[in-house]
Amino acid sequence: MSEEQQNTTKKRSRISDVIRGRFLVNEGSLKNWRFVLYLSFLALLSIASAHSADRKVREISRLNQEIKELSSEYIEIHSALMTEKMESKVIKQAERLGLEVPKTPPTKLIAKKQQP
């Protein structure tokens, strides 16, 4: 057998050992178990991080929708207030209460300072 064929056979043997799980029960497998546990921990950490990110994305989306709704409600209320503040509307409301618009403009009162 040539050296190249031996290398190919060793590679196949290593791959089949990994697939069959022999690397976990052979001598010196404690290092392998530690590494497998470390990889498992990293996988769980990655999954938890992804779920947390998804939750935050959904929360941001919900809050953006709420902002849009509140903004439209603000615009609606603000425009209703502007129409109620119009002079013609105020005059109509005052007439319902029995008040009249004065014919003469108001007079300005000026207070003089008293000298001691």
PDB file of N, CA and C in Angstrom:
ATOM      1  N   MET A   1       0.835  -1.173   0.000  1.00  0.00           N
ATOM      2  CA  MET A   1       0.000   0.000   0.000  1.00  0.00           C
ATOM      3  C   MET A   1       0.880   1.235   0.000  1.00  0.00           C
ATOM      4  N   SER A   2       0.513   2.184  -0.823  1.00  0.00           N
ATOM      5  CA  SER A   2       1.326   3.399  -0.896  1.00  0.00           C
ATOM      6  C   SER A   2       0.951   4.336   0.242  1.00  0.00           C
ATOM      7  N   GLU A   3       1.793   5.319   0.421  1.00  0.00           N
ATOM      8  CA  GLU A   3       1.577   6.291   1.505  1.00  0.00           C
ATOM      9  C   GLU A   3       0.291   7.091   1.281  1.00  0.00           C
ATOM     10  N   GLU A   4       0.011   7.400   0.040  1.00  0.00           N
ATOM     11  CA  GLU A   4      -1.201   8.167  -0.296  1.00  0.00           C
ATOM     12  C   GLU A   4      -2.458   7.374   0.043  1.00  0.00           C
ATOM     13  N   GLN A   5      -2.457   6.103  -0.231  1.00  0.00           N
ATOM     14  CA  GLN A   5      -3.598   5.250   0.074  1.00  0.00           C
ATOM     15  C   GLN A   5      -3.784   5.120   1.590  1.00  0.00           C
ATOM     16  N   GLN A   6      -2.686   5.075   2.324  1.00  0.00           N
ATOM     17  CA  GLN A   6      -2.767   4.989   3.786  1.00  0.00           C
ATOM     18  C   GLN A   6      -3.376   6.259   4.362  1.00  0.00           C
ATOM     19  N   ASN A   7      -2.983   7.416   3.828  1.00  0.00           N
ATOM     20  CA  ASN A   7      -3.551   8.687   4.293  1.00  0.00           C
ATOM     21  C   ASN A   7      -5.045   8.743   4.013  1.00  0.00           C
ATOM     22  N   THR A   8      -5.445   8.298   2.836  1.00  0.00           N
ATOM     23  CA  THR A   8      -6.861   8.286   2.469  1.00  0.00           C
ATOM     24  C   THR A   8      -7.629   7.356   3.397  1.00  0.00           C
ATOM     25  N   THR A   9      -7.071   6.206   3.701  1.00  0.00           N
ATOM     26  CA  THR A   9      -7.716   5.242   4.587  1.00  0.00           C
ATOM     27  C   THR A   9      -7.848   5.821   5.995  1.00  0.00           C
ATOM     28  N   LYS A  10      -6.816   6.525   6.475  1.00  0.00           N
ATOM     29  CA  LYS A  10      -6.862   7.142   7.803  1.00  0.00           C
ATOM     30  C   LYS A  10      -7.930   8.226   7.860  1.00  0.00           C
ATOM     31  N   LYS A  11      -8.034   9.006   6.803  1.00  0.00           N
ATOM     32  CA  LYS A  11      -9.046  10.067   6.764  1.00  0.00           C
ATOM     33  C   LYS A  11     -10.447   9.466   6.817  1.00  0.00           C
ATOM     34  N   ARG A  12     -10.663   8.411   6.050  1.00  0.00           N
ATOM     35  CA  ARG A  12     -11.965   7.742   6.048  1.00  0.00           C
ATOM     36  C   ARG A  12     -12.267   7.169   7.426  1.00  0.00           C
ATOM     37  N   SER A  13     -11.240   6.613   8.042  1.00  0.00           N
ATOM     38  CA  SER A  13     -11.394   6.023   9.368  1.00  0.00           C
ATOM     39  C   SER A  13     -11.769   7.101  10.386  1.00  0.00           C
ATOM     40  N   ARG A  14     -11.118   8.236  10.325  1.00  0.00           N
ATOM     41  CA  ARG A  14     -11.426   9.332  11.245  1.00  0.00           C
ATOM     42  C   ARG A  14     -12.842   9.856  11.045  1.00  0.00           C
ATOM     43  N   ILE A  15     -13.231  10.000   9.799  1.00  0.00           N
ATOM     44  CA  ILE A  15     -14.585  10.493   9.504  1.00  0.00           C
ATOM     45  C   ILE A  15     -15.631   9.505  10.017  1.00  0.00           C
ATOM     46  N   SER A  16     -15.400   8.217   9.784  1.00  0.00           N
ATOM     47  CA  SER A  16     -16.368   7.218  10.263  1.00  0.00           C
ATOM     48  C   SER A  16     -16.380   7.164  11.786  1.00  0.00           C
ATOM     49  N   ASP A  17     -15.219   7.390  12.440  1.00  0.00           N
ATOM     50  CA  ASP A  17     -15.175   7.430  13.904  1.00  0.00           C
ATOM     51  C   ASP A  17     -16.020   8.588  14.437  1.00  0.00           C
ATOM     52  N   VAL A  18     -15.946   9.722  13.786  1.00  0.00           N
ATOM     53  CA  VAL A  18     -16.723  10.887  14.220  1.00  0.00           C
ATOM     54  C   VAL A  18     -18.210  10.623  14.008  1.00  0.00           C
ATOM     55  N   ILE A  19     -18.565  10.080  12.859  1.00  0.00           N
ATOM     56  CA  ILE A  19     -19.978   9.817  12.552  1.00  0.00           C
ATOM     57  C   ILE A  19     -20.563   8.784  13.517  1.00  0.00           C
ATOM     58  N   ARG A  20     -19.791   7.770  13.846  1.00  0.00           N
ATOM     59  CA  ARG A  20     -20.278   6.708  14.734  1.00  0.00           C
ATOM     60  C   ARG A  20     -20.158   7.080  16.207  1.00  0.00           C
ATOM     61  N   GLY A  21     -19.446   8.158  16.518  1.00  0.00           N
ATOM     62  CA  GLY A  21     -19.336   8.592  17.898  1.00  0.00           C
ATOM     63  C   GLY A  21     -18.228   7.917  18.665  1.00  0.00           C
ATOM     64  N   ARG A  22     -17.320   7.265  17.995  1.00  0.00           N
ATOM     65  CA  ARG A  22     -16.223   6.564  18.673  1.00  0.00           C
ATOM     66  C   ARG A  22     -15.284   7.534  19.378  1.00  0.00           C
ATOM     67  N   PHE A  23     -15.228   8.758  18.879  1.00  0.00           N
ATOM     68  CA  PHE A  23     -14.319   9.742  19.487  1.00  0.00           C
ATOM     69  C   PHE A  23     -14.762  10.098  20.902  1.00  0.00           C
ATOM     70  N   LEU A  24     -15.998   9.750  21.261  1.00  0.00           N
ATOM     71  CA  LEU A  24     -16.492  10.052  22.603  1.00  0.00           C
ATOM     72  C   LEU A  24     -16.235   8.932  23.607  1.00  0.00           C
ATOM     73  N   VAL A  25     -15.896   7.745  23.119  1.00  0.00           N
ATOM     74  CA  VAL A  25     -15.689   6.617  24.027  1.00  0.00           C
ATOM     75  C   VAL A  25     -14.261   6.095  24.004  1.00  0.00           C
ATOM     76  N   ASN A  26     -13.433   6.605  23.140  1.00  0.00           N
ATOM     77  CA  ASN A  26     -12.026   6.183  23.081  1.00  0.00           C
ATOM     78  C   ASN A  26     -11.252   6.756  24.253  1.00  0.00           C
ATOM     79  N   GLU A  27     -10.008   6.311  24.391  1.00  0.00           N
ATOM     80  CA  GLU A  27      -9.130   6.837  25.422  1.00  0.00           C
ATOM     81  C   GLU A  27      -8.905   8.328  25.167  1.00  0.00           C
ATOM     82  N   GLY A  28      -8.845   9.091  26.206  1.00  0.00           N
ATOM     83  CA  GLY A  28      -8.633  10.537  26.057  1.00  0.00           C
ATOM     84  C   GLY A  28      -9.882  11.259  25.570  1.00  0.00           C
ATOM     85  N   SER A  29     -11.020  10.638  25.735  1.00  0.00           N
ATOM     86  CA  SER A  29     -12.255  11.255  25.246  1.00  0.00           C
ATOM     87  C   SER A  29     -12.772  12.359  26.174  1.00  0.00           C
ATOM     88  N   LEU A  30     -12.164  12.514  27.345  1.00  0.00           N
ATOM     89  CA  LEU A  30     -12.602  13.567  28.262  1.00  0.00           C
ATOM     90  C   LEU A  30     -12.474  14.943  27.616  1.00  0.00           C
ATOM     91  N   LYS A  31     -11.375  15.144  26.865  1.00  0.00           N
ATOM     92  CA  LYS A  31     -11.206  16.421  26.147  1.00  0.00           C
ATOM     93  C   LYS A  31     -12.335  16.609  25.132  1.00  0.00           C
ATOM     94  N   ASN A  32     -12.682  15.527  24.463  1.00  0.00           N
ATOM     95  CA  ASN A  32     -13.754  15.608  23.463  1.00  0.00           C
ATOM     96  C   ASN A  32     -15.093  15.944  24.119  1.00  0.00           C
ATOM     97  N   TRP A  33     -15.368  15.321  25.274  1.00  0.00           N
ATOM     98  CA  TRP A  33     -16.624  15.599  25.966  1.00  0.00           C
ATOM     99  C   TRP A  33     -16.700  17.057  26.406  1.00  0.00           C
ATOM    100  N   ARG A  34     -15.595  17.570  26.910  1.00  0.00           N
ATOM    101  CA  ARG A  34     -15.579  18.983  27.303  1.00  0.00           C
ATOM    102  C   ARG A  34     -15.882  19.877  26.117  1.00  0.00           C
ATOM    103  N   PHE A  35     -15.294  19.546  24.998  1.00  0.00           N
ATOM    104  CA  PHE A  35     -15.523  20.361  23.799  1.00  0.00           C
ATOM    105  C   PHE A  35     -16.980  20.246  23.331  1.00  0.00           C
ATOM    106  N   VAL A  36     -17.528  19.042  23.388  1.00  0.00           N
ATOM    107  CA  VAL A  36     -18.928  18.840  22.996  1.00  0.00           C
ATOM    108  C   VAL A  36     -19.851  19.621  23.933  1.00  0.00           C
ATOM    109  N   LEU A  37     -19.576  19.584  25.222  1.00  0.00           N
ATOM    110  CA  LEU A  37     -20.392  20.354  26.168  1.00  0.00           C
ATOM    111  C   LEU A  37     -20.258  21.857  25.920  1.00  0.00           C
ATOM    112  N   TYR A  38     -19.054  22.289  25.616  1.00  0.00           N
ATOM    113  CA  TYR A  38     -18.825  23.702  25.303  1.00  0.00           C
ATOM    114  C   TYR A  38     -19.615  24.107  24.060  1.00  0.00           C
ATOM    115  N   LEU A  39     -19.574  23.289  23.018  1.00  0.00           N
ATOM    116  CA  LEU A  39     -20.341  23.586  21.800  1.00  0.00           C
ATOM    117  C   LEU A  39     -21.842  23.581  22.078  1.00  0.00           C
ATOM    118  N   SER A  40     -22.290  22.656  22.928  1.00  0.00           N
ATOM    119  CA  SER A  40     -23.723  22.610  23.281  1.00  0.00           C
ATOM    120  C   SER A  40     -24.131  23.884  24.013  1.00  0.00           C
ATOM    121  N   PHE A  41     -23.289  24.321  24.932  1.00  0.00           N
ATOM    122  CA  PHE A  41     -23.570  25.563  25.655  1.00  0.00           C
ATOM    123  C   PHE A  41     -23.640  26.746  24.693  1.00  0.00           C
ATOM    124  N   LEU A  42     -22.698  26.814  23.759  1.00  0.00           N
ATOM    125  CA  LEU A  42     -22.717  27.906  22.780  1.00  0.00           C
ATOM    126  C   LEU A  42     -23.974  27.859  21.896  1.00  0.00           C
ATOM    127  N   ALA A  43     -24.395  26.660  21.541  1.00  0.00           N
ATOM    128  CA  ALA A  43     -25.607  26.509  20.732  1.00  0.00           C
ATOM    129  C   ALA A  43     -26.829  27.000  21.497  1.00  0.00           C
ATOM    130  N   LEU A  44     -26.929  26.607  22.761  1.00  0.00           N
ATOM    131  CA  LEU A  44     -28.061  27.060  23.587  1.00  0.00           C
ATOM    132  C   LEU A  44     -28.026  28.576  23.771  1.00  0.00           C
ATOM    133  N   LEU A  45     -26.846  29.120  23.975  1.00  0.00           N
ATOM    134  CA  LEU A  45     -26.702  30.565  24.118  1.00  0.00           C
ATOM    135  C   LEU A  45     -27.115  31.296  22.839  1.00  0.00           C
ATOM    136  N   SER A  46     -26.747  30.741  21.712  1.00  0.00           N
ATOM    137  CA  SER A  46     -27.115  31.335  20.427  1.00  0.00           C
ATOM    138  C   SER A  46     -28.629  31.288  20.214  1.00  0.00           C
ATOM    139  N   ILE A  47     -29.246  30.181  20.551  1.00  0.00           N
ATOM    140  CA  ILE A  47     -30.703  30.039  20.400  1.00  0.00           C
ATOM    141  C   ILE A  47     -31.424  31.030  21.312  1.00  0.00           C
ATOM    142  N   ALA A  48     -30.973  31.141  22.556  1.00  0.00           N
ATOM    143  CA  ALA A  48     -31.595  32.082  23.498  1.00  0.00           C
ATOM    144  C   ALA A  48     -31.436  33.518  23.002  1.00  0.00           C
ATOM    145  N   SER A  49     -30.294  33.831  22.476  1.00  0.00           N
ATOM    146  CA  SER A  49     -30.053  35.181  21.960  1.00  0.00           C
ATOM    147  C   SER A  49     -30.963  35.478  20.768  1.00  0.00           C
ATOM    148  N   ALA A  50     -31.145  34.510  19.901  1.00  0.00           N
ATOM    149  CA  ALA A  50     -32.025  34.699  18.740  1.00  0.00           C
ATOM    150  C   ALA A  50     -33.470  34.912  19.182  1.00  0.00           C
ATOM    151  N   HIS A  51     -33.915  34.136  20.172  1.00  0.00           N
ATOM    152  CA  HIS A  51     -35.281  34.309  20.672  1.00  0.00           C
ATOM    153  C   HIS A  51     -35.456  35.684  21.316  1.00  0.00           C
ATOM    154  N   SER A  52     -34.463  36.106  22.050  1.00  0.00           N
ATOM    155  CA  SER A  52     -34.524  37.421  22.682  1.00  0.00           C
ATOM    156  C   SER A  52     -34.587  38.523  21.626  1.00  0.00           C
ATOM    157  N   ALA A  53     -33.794  38.401  20.594  1.00  0.00           N
ATOM    158  CA  ALA A  53     -33.807  39.393  19.515  1.00  0.00           C
ATOM    159  C   ALA A  53     -35.164  39.409  18.811  1.00  0.00           C
ATOM    160  N   ASP A  54     -35.740  38.236  18.570  1.00  0.00           N
ATOM    161  CA  ASP A  54     -37.069  38.164  17.939  1.00  0.00           C
ATOM    162  C   ASP A  54     -38.121  38.848  18.802  1.00  0.00           C
ATOM    163  N   ARG A  55     -38.059  38.606  20.116  1.00  0.00           N
ATOM    164  CA  ARG A  55     -39.003  39.248  21.029  1.00  0.00           C
ATOM    165  C   ARG A  55     -38.880  40.762  20.960  1.00  0.00           C
ATOM    166  N   LYS A  56     -37.662  41.245  20.936  1.00  0.00           N
ATOM    167  CA  LYS A  56     -37.448  42.689  20.891  1.00  0.00           C
ATOM    168  C   LYS A  56     -37.925  43.284  19.577  1.00  0.00           C
ATOM    169  N   VAL A  57     -37.728  42.573  18.482  1.00  0.00           N
ATOM    170  CA  VAL A  57     -38.197  43.051  17.182  1.00  0.00           C
ATOM    171  C   VAL A  57     -39.724  43.148  17.182  1.00  0.00           C
ATOM    172  N   ARG A  58     -40.383  42.131  17.748  1.00  0.00           N
ATOM    173  CA  ARG A  58     -41.853  42.179  17.815  1.00  0.00           C
ATOM    174  C   ARG A  58     -42.331  43.326  18.695  1.00  0.00           C
ATOM    175  N   GLU A  59     -41.645  43.562  19.810  1.00  0.00           N
ATOM    176  CA  GLU A  59     -42.007  44.661  20.711  1.00  0.00           C
ATOM    177  C   GLU A  59     -41.819  46.013  20.015  1.00  0.00           C
ATOM    178  N   ILE A  60     -40.732  46.164  19.283  1.00  0.00           N
ATOM    179  CA  ILE A  60     -40.484  47.415  18.558  1.00  0.00           C
ATOM    180  C   ILE A  60     -41.562  47.623  17.505  1.00  0.00           C
ATOM    181  N   SER A  61     -41.938  46.569  16.818  1.00  0.00           N
ATOM    182  CA  SER A  61     -42.987  46.669  15.801  1.00  0.00           C
ATOM    183  C   SER A  61     -44.310  47.084  16.435  1.00  0.00           C
ATOM    184  N   ARG A  62     -44.639  46.480  17.580  1.00  0.00           N
ATOM    185  CA  ARG A  62     -45.886  46.825  18.272  1.00  0.00           C
ATOM    186  C   ARG A  62     -45.872  48.285  18.719  1.00  0.00           C
ATOM    187  N   LEU A  63     -44.738  48.728  19.256  1.00  0.00           N
ATOM    188  CA  LEU A  63     -44.637  50.116  19.710  1.00  0.00           C
ATOM    189  C   LEU A  63     -44.705  51.098  18.542  1.00  0.00           C
ATOM    190  N   ASN A  64     -44.112  50.751  17.407  1.00  0.00           N
ATOM    191  CA  ASN A  64     -44.210  51.623  16.234  1.00  0.00           C
ATOM    192  C   ASN A  64     -45.657  51.738  15.765  1.00  0.00           C
ATOM    193  N   GLN A  65     -46.390  50.634  15.804  1.00  0.00           N
ATOM    194  CA  GLN A  65     -47.804  50.668  15.422  1.00  0.00           C
ATOM    195  C   GLN A  65     -48.589  51.551  16.395  1.00  0.00           C
ATOM    196  N   GLU A  66     -48.291  51.431  17.674  1.00  0.00           N
ATOM    197  CA  GLU A  66     -48.968  52.257  18.677  1.00  0.00           C
ATOM    198  C   GLU A  66     -48.647  53.733  18.480  1.00  0.00           C
ATOM    199  N   ILE A  67     -47.407  54.036  18.109  1.00  0.00           N
ATOM    200  CA  ILE A  67     -47.020  55.425  17.839  1.00  0.00           C
ATOM    201  C   ILE A  67     -47.821  55.974  16.667  1.00  0.00           C
ATOM    202  N   LYS A  68     -47.976  55.177  15.614  1.00  0.00           N
ATOM    203  CA  LYS A  68     -48.757  55.623  14.451  1.00  0.00           C
ATOM    204  C   LYS A  68     -50.205  55.902  14.847  1.00  0.00           C
ATOM    205  N   GLU A  69     -50.790  55.003  15.646  1.00  0.00           N
ATOM    206  CA  GLU A  69     -52.181  55.189  16.065  1.00  0.00           C
ATOM    207  C   GLU A  69     -52.331  56.438  16.928  1.00  0.00           C
ATOM    208  N   LEU A  70     -51.428  56.628  17.876  1.00  0.00           N
ATOM    209  CA  LEU A  70     -51.510  57.799  18.755  1.00  0.00           C
ATOM    210  C   LEU A  70     -51.261  59.088  17.982  1.00  0.00           C
ATOM    211  N   SER A  71     -50.392  59.042  17.003  1.00  0.00           N
ATOM    212  CA  SER A  71     -50.122  60.225  16.184  1.00  0.00           C
ATOM    213  C   SER A  71     -51.359  60.615  15.384  1.00  0.00           C
ATOM    214  N   SER A  72     -52.025  59.632  14.799  1.00  0.00           N
ATOM    215  CA  SER A  72     -53.235  59.940  14.036  1.00  0.00           C
ATOM    216  C   SER A  72     -54.344  60.448  14.959  1.00  0.00           C
ATOM    217  N   GLU A  73     -54.435  59.888  16.161  1.00  0.00           N
ATOM    218  CA  GLU A  73     -55.430  60.361  17.132  1.00  0.00           C
ATOM    219  C   GLU A  73     -55.128  61.805  17.541  1.00  0.00           C
ATOM    220  N   TYR A  74     -53.855  62.129  17.745  1.00  0.00           N
ATOM    221  CA  TYR A  74     -53.464  63.491  18.094  1.00  0.00           C
ATOM    222  C   TYR A  74     -53.854  64.465  16.985  1.00  0.00           C
ATOM    223  N   ILE A  75     -53.573  64.098  15.743  1.00  0.00           N
ATOM    224  CA  ILE A  75     -53.897  64.979  14.614  1.00  0.00           C
ATOM    225  C   ILE A  75     -55.400  65.187  14.529  1.00  0.00           C
ATOM    226  N   GLU A  76     -56.163  64.132  14.738  1.00  0.00           N
ATOM    227  CA  GLU A  76     -57.623  64.221  14.686  1.00  0.00           C
ATOM    228  C   GLU A  76     -58.152  65.147  15.781  1.00  0.00           C
ATOM    229  N   ILE A  77     -57.680  64.976  16.994  1.00  0.00           N
ATOM    230  CA  ILE A  77     -58.136  65.807  18.112  1.00  0.00           C
ATOM    231  C   ILE A  77     -57.687  67.248  17.928  1.00  0.00           C
ATOM    232  N   HIS A  78     -56.464  67.430  17.434  1.00  0.00           N
ATOM    233  CA  HIS A  78     -55.946  68.786  17.222  1.00  0.00           C
ATOM    234  C   HIS A  78     -56.769  69.534  16.163  1.00  0.00           C
ATOM    235  N   SER A  79     -57.126  68.848  15.088  1.00  0.00           N
ATOM    236  CA  SER A  79     -57.927  69.512  14.061  1.00  0.00           C
ATOM    237  C   SER A  79     -59.334  69.816  14.583  1.00  0.00           C
ATOM    238  N   ALA A  80     -59.907  68.928  15.405  1.00  0.00           N
ATOM    239  CA  ALA A  80     -61.218  69.199  15.994  1.00  0.00           C
ATOM    240  C   ALA A  80     -61.136  70.406  16.931  1.00  0.00           C
ATOM    241  N   LEU A  81     -60.073  70.525  17.687  1.00  0.00           N
ATOM    242  CA  LEU A  81     -59.888  71.674  18.569  1.00  0.00           C
ATOM    243  C   LEU A  81     -59.744  72.968  17.774  1.00  0.00           C
ATOM    244  N   MET A  82     -59.033  72.910  16.672  1.00  0.00           N
ATOM    245  CA  MET A  82     -58.863  74.110  15.847  1.00  0.00           C
ATOM    246  C   MET A  82     -60.206  74.597  15.300  1.00  0.00           C
ATOM    247  N   THR A  83     -61.075  73.668  14.893  1.00  0.00           N
ATOM    248  CA  THR A  83     -62.380  74.101  14.391  1.00  0.00           C
ATOM    249  C   THR A  83     -63.243  74.658  15.520  1.00  0.00           C
ATOM    250  N   GLU A  84     -63.124  74.108  16.729  1.00  0.00           N
ATOM    251  CA  GLU A  84     -63.898  74.614  17.862  1.00  0.00           C
ATOM    252  C   GLU A  84     -63.396  75.985  18.319  1.00  0.00           C
ATOM    253  N   LYS A  85     -62.134  76.292  18.081  1.00  0.00           N
ATOM    254  CA  LYS A  85     -61.573  77.568  18.505  1.00  0.00           C
ATOM    255  C   LYS A  85     -61.846  78.695  17.507  1.00  0.00           C
ATOM    256  N   MET A  86     -62.421  78.363  16.364  1.00  0.00           N
ATOM    257  CA  MET A  86     -62.694  79.402  15.358  1.00  0.00           C
ATOM    258  C   MET A  86     -63.668  80.429  15.936  1.00  0.00           C
ATOM    259  N   GLU A  87     -63.501  81.683  15.530  1.00  0.00           N
ATOM    260  CA  GLU A  87     -64.301  82.771  16.093  1.00  0.00           C
ATOM    261  C   GLU A  87     -65.794  82.546  15.862  1.00  0.00           C
ATOM    262  N   SER A  88     -66.166  82.070  14.692  1.00  0.00           N
ATOM    263  CA  SER A  88     -67.586  81.853  14.405  1.00  0.00           C
ATOM    264  C   SER A  88     -68.181  80.800  15.344  1.00  0.00           C
ATOM    265  N   LYS A  89     -67.448  79.756  15.639  1.00  0.00           N
ATOM    266  CA  LYS A  89     -67.945  78.722  16.553  1.00  0.00           C
ATOM    267  C   LYS A  89     -68.066  79.274  17.972  1.00  0.00           C
ATOM    268  N   VAL A  90     -67.081  80.075  18.395  1.00  0.00           N
ATOM    269  CA  VAL A  90     -67.119  80.655  19.733  1.00  0.00           C
ATOM    270  C   VAL A  90     -68.323  81.596  19.863  1.00  0.00           C
ATOM    271  N   ILE A  91     -68.603  82.365  18.823  1.00  0.00           N
ATOM    272  CA  ILE A  91     -69.752  83.284  18.854  1.00  0.00           C
ATOM    273  C   ILE A  91     -71.052  82.493  18.976  1.00  0.00           C
ATOM    274  N   LYS A  92     -71.183  81.408  18.218  1.00  0.00           N
ATOM    275  CA  LYS A  92     -72.391  80.581  18.301  1.00  0.00           C
ATOM    276  C   LYS A  92     -72.567  79.995  19.701  1.00  0.00           C
ATOM    277  N   GLN A  93     -71.492  79.530  20.294  1.00  0.00           N
ATOM    278  CA  GLN A  93     -71.558  78.979  21.648  1.00  0.00           C
ATOM    279  C   GLN A  93     -71.942  80.067  22.655  1.00  0.00           C
ATOM    280  N   ALA A  94     -71.398  81.259  22.473  1.00  0.00           N
ATOM    281  CA  ALA A  94     -71.719  82.365  23.384  1.00  0.00           C
ATOM    282  C   ALA A  94     -73.190  82.764  23.247  1.00  0.00           C
ATOM    283  N   GLU A  95     -73.740  82.780  22.036  1.00  0.00           N
ATOM    284  CA  GLU A  95     -75.151  83.127  21.831  1.00  0.00           C
ATOM    285  C   GLU A  95     -76.060  82.103  22.505  1.00  0.00           C
ATOM    286  N   ARG A  96     -75.681  80.844  22.505  1.00  0.00           N
ATOM    287  CA  ARG A  96     -76.478  79.820  23.176  1.00  0.00           C
ATOM    288  C   ARG A  96     -76.543  80.068  24.683  1.00  0.00           C
ATOM    289  N   LEU A  97     -75.484  80.670  25.224  1.00  0.00           N
ATOM    290  CA  LEU A  97     -75.446  80.976  26.647  1.00  0.00           C
ATOM    291  C   LEU A  97     -76.089  82.325  26.960  1.00  0.00           C
ATOM    292  N   GLY A  98     -76.546  83.043  25.930  1.00  0.00           N
ATOM    293  CA  GLY A  98     -77.193  84.342  26.138  1.00  0.00           C
ATOM    294  C   GLY A  98     -76.215  85.506  26.134  1.00  0.00           C
ATOM    295  N   LEU A  99     -75.016  85.318  25.668  1.00  0.00           N
ATOM    296  CA  LEU A  99     -74.027  86.391  25.601  1.00  0.00           C
ATOM    297  C   LEU A  99     -74.037  86.996  24.203  1.00  0.00           C
ATOM    298  N   GLU A 100     -73.694  88.282  24.133  1.00  0.00           N
ATOM    299  CA  GLU A 100     -73.651  88.967  22.838  1.00  0.00           C
ATOM    300  C   GLU A 100     -72.248  89.473  22.578  1.00  0.00           C
ATOM    301  N   VAL A 101     -71.974  89.665  21.311  1.00  0.00           N
ATOM    302  CA  VAL A 101     -70.701  90.254  20.929  1.00  0.00           C
ATOM    303  C   VAL A 101     -70.862  91.773  21.065  1.00  0.00           C
ATOM    304  N   PRO A 102     -69.959  92.445  21.771  1.00  0.00           N
ATOM    305  CA  PRO A 102     -70.107  93.895  21.959  1.00  0.00           C
ATOM    306  C   PRO A 102     -69.940  94.639  20.626  1.00  0.00           C
ATOM    307  N   LYS A 103     -70.698  95.734  20.496  1.00  0.00           N
ATOM    308  CA  LYS A 103     -70.626  96.545  19.271  1.00  0.00           C
ATOM    309  C   LYS A 103     -69.428  97.474  19.296  1.00  0.00           C
ATOM    310  N   THR A 104     -69.037  97.929  20.485  1.00  0.00           N
ATOM    311  CA  THR A 104     -67.885  98.839  20.609  1.00  0.00           C
ATOM    312  C   THR A 104     -66.674  98.050  21.083  1.00  0.00           C
ATOM    313  N   PRO A 105     -65.505  98.442  20.630  1.00  0.00           N
ATOM    314  CA  PRO A 105     -64.315  97.734  21.081  1.00  0.00           C
ATOM    315  C   PRO A 105     -64.036  98.019  22.555  1.00  0.00           C
ATOM    316  N   PRO A 106     -63.318  97.174  23.222  1.00  0.00           N
ATOM    317  CA  PRO A 106     -63.029  97.390  24.636  1.00  0.00           C
ATOM    318  C   PRO A 106     -62.113  98.598  24.826  1.00  0.00           C
ATOM    319  N   THR A 107     -62.262  99.252  25.970  1.00  0.00           N
ATOM    320  CA  THR A 107     -61.403 100.407  26.279  1.00  0.00           C
ATOM    321  C   THR A 107     -60.249  99.924  27.129  1.00  0.00           C
ATOM    322  N   LYS A 108     -59.124 100.559  26.938  1.00  0.00           N
ATOM    323  CA  LYS A 108     -57.925 100.177  27.650  1.00  0.00           C
ATOM    324  C   LYS A 108     -57.793 101.052  28.887  1.00  0.00           C
ATOM    325  N   LEU A 109     -57.639 100.451  30.035  1.00  0.00           N
ATOM    326  CA  LEU A 109     -57.472 101.154  31.288  1.00  0.00           C
ATOM    327  C   LEU A 109     -55.989 101.251  31.595  1.00  0.00           C
ATOM    328  N   ILE A 110     -55.562 102.443  31.973  1.00  0.00           N
ATOM    329  CA  ILE A 110     -54.156 102.636  32.328  1.00  0.00           C
ATOM    330  C   ILE A 110     -54.104 103.059  33.769  1.00  0.00           C
ATOM    331  N   ALA A 111     -53.366 102.327  34.548  1.00  0.00           N
ATOM    332  CA  ALA A 111     -53.221 102.644  35.962  1.00  0.00           C
ATOM    333  C   ALA A 111     -51.964 103.518  36.137  1.00  0.00           C
ATOM    334  N   LYS A 112     -52.134 104.630  36.870  1.00  0.00           N
ATOM    335  CA  LYS A 112     -51.001 105.499  37.130  1.00  0.00           C
ATOM    336  C   LYS A 112     -50.349 105.099  38.433  1.00  0.00           C
ATOM    337  N   LYS A 113     -49.068 105.222  38.473  1.00  0.00           N
ATOM    338  CA  LYS A 113     -48.344 104.905  39.712  1.00  0.00           C
ATOM    339  C   LYS A 113     -48.571 105.999  40.709  1.00  0.00           C
ATOM    340  N   GLN A 114     -48.792 105.608  41.931  1.00  0.00           N
ATOM    341  CA  GLN A 114     -48.963 106.610  42.983  1.00  0.00           C
ATOM    342  C   GLN A 114     -47.582 106.956  43.529  1.00  0.00           C
ATOM    343  N   GLN A 115     -47.406 108.272  43.720  1.00  0.00           N
ATOM    344  CA  GLN A 115     -46.113 108.703  44.270  1.00  0.00           C
ATOM    345  C   GLN A 115     -46.222 108.780  45.775  1.00  0.00           C
ATOM    346  N   PRO A 116     -45.223 108.299  46.507  1.00  0.00           N
ATOM    347  CA  PRO A 116     -45.294 108.325  47.980  1.00  0.00           C
ATOM    348  C   PRO A 116     -45.078 109.666  48.591  1.00  0.00           C
TER     349      PRO A 116
END
